[in-house]
Amino acid sequence: MPYVRHQTLTASTVATFTVTGNPSAVEILSRNGLGEVYVSYDGTAAPANPTVAGNDFDVIPAIAGAGLVLGEVGAGDQNVVKVISAAATAISVRAIQ
């Protein structure tokens, strides 16, 4: 079974996802579009913590159904992705095999 997680983010708090199974890509989807989602990944087990409206982070717009597909973000099971939003945004994170 591929890695899939559904979570409502706590506003202004970093959430960390360790995507297992050595996926070829990772998709992050905003399910309710309540706030922009800032994304940090760098191929290590400890990417930098993203900040709301921070520079140098990918962003998913505050639109329900908007998403971001990341190429392989790490080797093996070091596919760590960190996200943050200023709102209680509902997201899904899934591995693409």
N, C-alpha and C. Protein backbone atom coordinates (compact mmCIF):
# COMPACT_ATOMS: atom_id res chain seq x y z
N MET A 1 0.84 -1.18 0.00
CA MET A 1 0.00 0.00 0.00
C MET A 1 0.89 1.24 0.00
N PRO A 2 0.70 2.14 -0.96
CA PRO A 2 1.52 3.35 -0.99
C PRO A 2 1.22 4.26 0.20
N TYR A 3 2.18 5.08 0.51
CA TYR A 3 2.08 6.05 1.60
C TYR A 3 1.06 7.13 1.24
N VAL A 4 0.07 7.32 2.10
CA VAL A 4 -0.90 8.42 1.96
C VAL A 4 -1.26 8.90 3.36
N ARG A 5 -1.22 10.21 3.57
CA ARG A 5 -1.62 10.79 4.85
C ARG A 5 -2.56 11.96 4.59
N HIS A 6 -3.60 12.08 5.41
CA HIS A 6 -4.56 13.18 5.35
C HIS A 6 -4.50 13.88 6.69
N GLN A 7 -4.34 15.20 6.65
CA GLN A 7 -4.18 15.93 7.90
C GLN A 7 -4.72 17.33 7.75
N THR A 8 -5.33 17.85 8.81
CA THR A 8 -5.66 19.27 8.87
C THR A 8 -4.55 19.93 9.66
N LEU A 9 -3.87 20.86 9.02
CA LEU A 9 -2.72 21.51 9.65
C LEU A 9 -3.17 22.41 10.79
N THR A 10 -2.35 22.49 11.81
CA THR A 10 -2.53 23.46 12.88
C THR A 10 -1.90 24.75 12.40
N ALA A 11 -2.66 25.84 12.43
CA ALA A 11 -2.18 27.12 11.89
C ALA A 11 -0.80 27.50 12.46
N SER A 12 0.07 27.90 11.56
CA SER A 12 1.42 28.40 11.89
C SER A 12 2.29 27.39 12.62
N THR A 13 2.04 26.09 12.44
CA THR A 13 2.83 25.04 13.05
C THR A 13 3.35 24.11 11.95
N VAL A 14 4.64 23.81 11.99
CA VAL A 14 5.25 22.94 10.98
C VAL A 14 4.78 21.50 11.19
N ALA A 15 4.38 20.87 10.09
CA ALA A 15 4.04 19.44 10.10
C ALA A 15 5.08 18.72 9.26
N THR A 16 5.53 17.56 9.73
CA THR A 16 6.57 16.79 9.04
C THR A 16 5.99 15.46 8.58
N PHE A 17 6.30 15.11 7.33
CA PHE A 17 5.87 13.84 6.76
C PHE A 17 7.10 13.10 6.25
N THR A 18 7.29 11.87 6.70
CA THR A 18 8.36 11.01 6.20
C THR A 18 7.71 9.99 5.29
N VAL A 19 7.87 10.20 4.00
CA VAL A 19 7.20 9.37 2.99
C VAL A 19 8.06 8.14 2.74
N THR A 20 7.51 6.98 3.06
CA THR A 20 8.26 5.73 2.94
C THR A 20 8.00 5.06 1.59
N GLY A 21 8.80 4.07 1.28
CA GLY A 21 8.60 3.26 0.09
C GLY A 21 9.38 3.70 -1.13
N ASN A 22 10.33 4.62 -0.98
CA ASN A 22 11.18 5.06 -2.08
C ASN A 22 10.36 5.48 -3.31
N PRO A 23 9.45 6.45 -3.16
CA PRO A 23 8.59 6.85 -4.27
C PRO A 23 9.36 7.60 -5.36
N SER A 24 8.79 7.62 -6.55
CA SER A 24 9.41 8.40 -7.63
C SER A 24 9.03 9.87 -7.51
N ALA A 25 7.94 10.16 -6.78
CA ALA A 25 7.51 11.54 -6.55
C ALA A 25 6.61 11.58 -5.33
N VAL A 26 6.38 12.79 -4.83
CA VAL A 26 5.48 13.01 -3.71
C VAL A 26 4.51 14.11 -4.12
N GLU A 27 3.21 13.89 -3.88
CA GLU A 27 2.19 14.89 -4.19
C GLU A 27 1.60 15.43 -2.90
N ILE A 28 1.43 16.76 -2.86
CA ILE A 28 0.77 17.41 -1.74
C ILE A 28 -0.44 18.15 -2.32
N LEU A 29 -1.62 17.89 -1.76
CA LEU A 29 -2.87 18.44 -2.27
C LEU A 29 -3.58 19.22 -1.17
N SER A 30 -4.03 20.43 -1.48
CA SER A 30 -4.84 21.20 -0.56
C SER A 30 -6.29 20.80 -0.77
N ARG A 31 -6.92 20.24 0.26
CA ARG A 31 -8.28 19.73 0.10
C ARG A 31 -9.34 20.81 0.35
N ASN A 32 -9.05 21.81 1.20
CA ASN A 32 -10.07 22.82 1.47
C ASN A 32 -9.66 24.24 1.06
N GLY A 33 -8.41 24.47 0.73
CA GLY A 33 -7.96 25.77 0.22
C GLY A 33 -8.06 26.92 1.20
N LEU A 34 -8.06 26.64 2.51
CA LEU A 34 -8.21 27.72 3.49
C LEU A 34 -7.00 28.64 3.58
N GLY A 35 -5.82 28.15 3.25
CA GLY A 35 -4.62 28.98 3.32
C GLY A 35 -3.54 28.45 2.41
N GLU A 36 -2.60 29.33 2.06
CA GLU A 36 -1.44 28.88 1.29
C GLU A 36 -0.66 27.88 2.13
N VAL A 37 -0.04 26.90 1.47
CA VAL A 37 0.78 25.90 2.16
C VAL A 37 2.21 26.06 1.64
N TYR A 38 3.15 26.31 2.55
CA TYR A 38 4.56 26.44 2.20
C TYR A 38 5.25 25.11 2.45
N VAL A 39 6.11 24.70 1.51
CA VAL A 39 6.67 23.35 1.49
C VAL A 39 8.19 23.41 1.49
N SER A 40 8.81 22.59 2.33
CA SER A 40 10.27 22.48 2.39
C SER A 40 10.69 21.02 2.22
N TYR A 41 11.67 20.81 1.38
CA TYR A 41 12.26 19.48 1.15
C TYR A 41 13.63 19.71 0.53
N ASP A 42 14.57 18.83 0.82
CA ASP A 42 15.90 18.98 0.23
C ASP A 42 16.64 17.66 0.04
N GLY A 43 15.94 16.54 0.16
CA GLY A 43 16.58 15.25 -0.05
C GLY A 43 17.27 14.69 1.18
N THR A 44 17.11 15.37 2.31
CA THR A 44 17.71 14.87 3.55
C THR A 44 16.60 14.47 4.51
N ALA A 45 16.98 13.91 5.63
CA ALA A 45 16.02 13.55 6.66
C ALA A 45 15.61 14.76 7.51
N ALA A 46 16.23 15.91 7.28
CA ALA A 46 15.94 17.09 8.10
C ALA A 46 15.97 18.37 7.27
N PRO A 47 15.00 18.54 6.36
CA PRO A 47 14.96 19.80 5.62
C PRO A 47 14.64 20.97 6.56
N ALA A 48 14.95 22.18 6.13
CA ALA A 48 14.68 23.36 6.94
C ALA A 48 13.19 23.49 7.22
N ASN A 49 12.86 24.08 8.35
CA ASN A 49 11.46 24.34 8.65
C ASN A 49 10.96 25.48 7.76
N PRO A 50 9.85 25.28 7.06
CA PRO A 50 9.30 26.37 6.26
C PRO A 50 8.65 27.41 7.17
N THR A 51 8.48 28.61 6.64
CA THR A 51 7.80 29.67 7.36
C THR A 51 6.65 30.18 6.50
N VAL A 52 5.61 30.68 7.15
CA VAL A 52 4.49 31.24 6.42
C VAL A 52 4.98 32.47 5.65
N ALA A 53 4.71 32.49 4.35
CA ALA A 53 5.12 33.57 3.45
C ALA A 53 6.64 33.69 3.33
N GLY A 54 7.35 32.61 3.67
CA GLY A 54 8.81 32.64 3.63
C GLY A 54 9.36 32.48 2.22
N ASN A 55 10.48 33.11 1.98
CA ASN A 55 11.18 32.95 0.71
C ASN A 55 11.88 31.61 0.66
N ASP A 56 12.18 31.14 -0.55
CA ASP A 56 12.93 29.91 -0.79
C ASP A 56 12.15 28.65 -0.46
N PHE A 57 10.82 28.73 -0.37
CA PHE A 57 9.98 27.56 -0.17
C PHE A 57 8.95 27.50 -1.29
N ASP A 58 8.61 26.29 -1.73
CA ASP A 58 7.52 26.14 -2.68
C ASP A 58 6.22 26.48 -1.98
N VAL A 59 5.23 26.92 -2.75
CA VAL A 59 3.94 27.29 -2.16
C VAL A 59 2.80 26.69 -2.97
N ILE A 60 1.81 26.20 -2.26
CA ILE A 60 0.56 25.74 -2.86
C ILE A 60 -0.46 26.84 -2.60
N PRO A 61 -1.09 27.38 -3.64
CA PRO A 61 -2.02 28.48 -3.43
C PRO A 61 -3.25 28.06 -2.60
N ALA A 62 -3.91 29.05 -2.03
CA ALA A 62 -5.08 28.82 -1.19
C ALA A 62 -6.31 28.58 -2.07
N ILE A 63 -6.31 27.45 -2.76
CA ILE A 63 -7.39 27.06 -3.65
C ILE A 63 -7.65 25.57 -3.41
N ALA A 64 -8.89 25.22 -3.13
CA ALA A 64 -9.22 23.80 -2.94
C ALA A 64 -8.86 23.04 -4.22
N GLY A 65 -8.14 21.95 -4.07
CA GLY A 65 -7.73 21.13 -5.20
C GLY A 65 -6.37 21.49 -5.77
N ALA A 66 -5.78 22.60 -5.33
CA ALA A 66 -4.44 22.96 -5.79
C ALA A 66 -3.43 22.00 -5.19
N GLY A 67 -2.37 21.73 -5.92
CA GLY A 67 -1.38 20.79 -5.41
C GLY A 67 -0.01 21.05 -5.96
N LEU A 68 0.92 20.23 -5.52
CA LEU A 68 2.31 20.32 -5.91
C LEU A 68 2.85 18.90 -5.99
N VAL A 69 3.52 18.58 -7.10
CA VAL A 69 4.16 17.27 -7.23
C VAL A 69 5.66 17.51 -7.18
N LEU A 70 6.31 16.86 -6.23
CA LEU A 70 7.75 16.96 -6.06
C LEU A 70 8.40 15.73 -6.67
N GLY A 71 9.46 15.91 -7.44
CA GLY A 71 10.23 14.76 -7.89
C GLY A 71 10.78 14.04 -6.68
N GLU A 72 11.47 12.96 -6.88
CA GLU A 72 12.02 12.22 -5.72
C GLU A 72 12.73 13.19 -4.81
N VAL A 73 12.29 13.27 -3.56
CA VAL A 73 12.82 14.26 -2.64
C VAL A 73 13.92 13.72 -1.74
N GLY A 74 14.25 12.46 -1.86
CA GLY A 74 15.30 11.87 -1.05
C GLY A 74 15.55 10.44 -1.49
N ALA A 75 16.60 9.87 -0.96
CA ALA A 75 16.96 8.49 -1.31
C ALA A 75 16.34 7.54 -0.30
N GLY A 76 15.83 6.42 -0.80
CA GLY A 76 15.28 5.41 0.10
C GLY A 76 14.11 5.95 0.88
N ASP A 77 14.17 5.83 2.20
CA ASP A 77 13.09 6.31 3.05
C ASP A 77 13.40 7.66 3.67
N GLN A 78 14.27 8.44 3.03
CA GLN A 78 14.56 9.78 3.52
C GLN A 78 13.79 10.83 2.71
N ASN A 79 12.56 10.52 2.39
CA ASN A 79 11.70 11.45 1.67
C ASN A 79 10.93 12.27 2.69
N VAL A 80 11.59 13.25 3.27
CA VAL A 80 10.98 14.06 4.32
C VAL A 80 10.51 15.38 3.73
N VAL A 81 9.25 15.70 4.00
CA VAL A 81 8.63 16.93 3.52
C VAL A 81 8.05 17.64 4.73
N LYS A 82 8.31 18.95 4.82
CA LYS A 82 7.74 19.76 5.91
C LYS A 82 6.83 20.82 5.30
N VAL A 83 5.70 21.07 5.96
CA VAL A 83 4.74 22.04 5.46
C VAL A 83 4.25 22.93 6.60
N ILE A 84 3.76 24.11 6.21
CA ILE A 84 3.16 25.04 7.18
C ILE A 84 2.13 25.88 6.45
N SER A 85 1.11 26.32 7.19
CA SER A 85 0.08 27.20 6.66
C SER A 85 -0.35 28.14 7.77
N ALA A 86 -0.85 29.32 7.40
CA ALA A 86 -1.36 30.26 8.40
C ALA A 86 -2.78 29.90 8.83
N ALA A 87 -3.39 28.91 8.16
CA ALA A 87 -4.76 28.51 8.45
C ALA A 87 -4.82 27.02 8.72
N ALA A 88 -5.99 26.56 9.14
CA ALA A 88 -6.22 25.13 9.38
C ALA A 88 -6.55 24.47 8.04
N THR A 89 -5.54 24.38 7.19
CA THR A 89 -5.70 23.86 5.83
C THR A 89 -5.66 22.33 5.86
N ALA A 90 -6.64 21.72 5.22
CA ALA A 90 -6.66 20.26 5.10
C ALA A 90 -5.84 19.86 3.89
N ILE A 91 -4.87 18.96 4.10
CA ILE A 91 -4.00 18.52 3.01
C ILE A 91 -3.96 17.00 2.95
N SER A 92 -3.52 16.51 1.81
CA SER A 92 -3.19 15.09 1.63
C SER A 92 -1.77 15.04 1.08
N VAL A 93 -0.99 14.10 1.59
CA VAL A 93 0.37 13.86 1.11
C VAL A 93 0.42 12.40 0.67
N ARG A 94 0.86 12.16 -0.56
CA ARG A 94 0.90 10.77 -1.01
C ARG A 94 2.14 10.49 -1.86
N ALA A 95 2.57 9.25 -1.77
CA ALA A 95 3.70 8.77 -2.57
C ALA A 95 3.18 8.37 -3.94
N ILE A 96 3.94 8.70 -4.96
CA ILE A 96 3.65 8.26 -6.31
C ILE A 96 4.73 7.25 -6.68
N GLN A 97 4.32 6.02 -6.93
CA GLN A 97 5.29 4.95 -7.18
C GLN A 97 5.75 4.92 -8.62
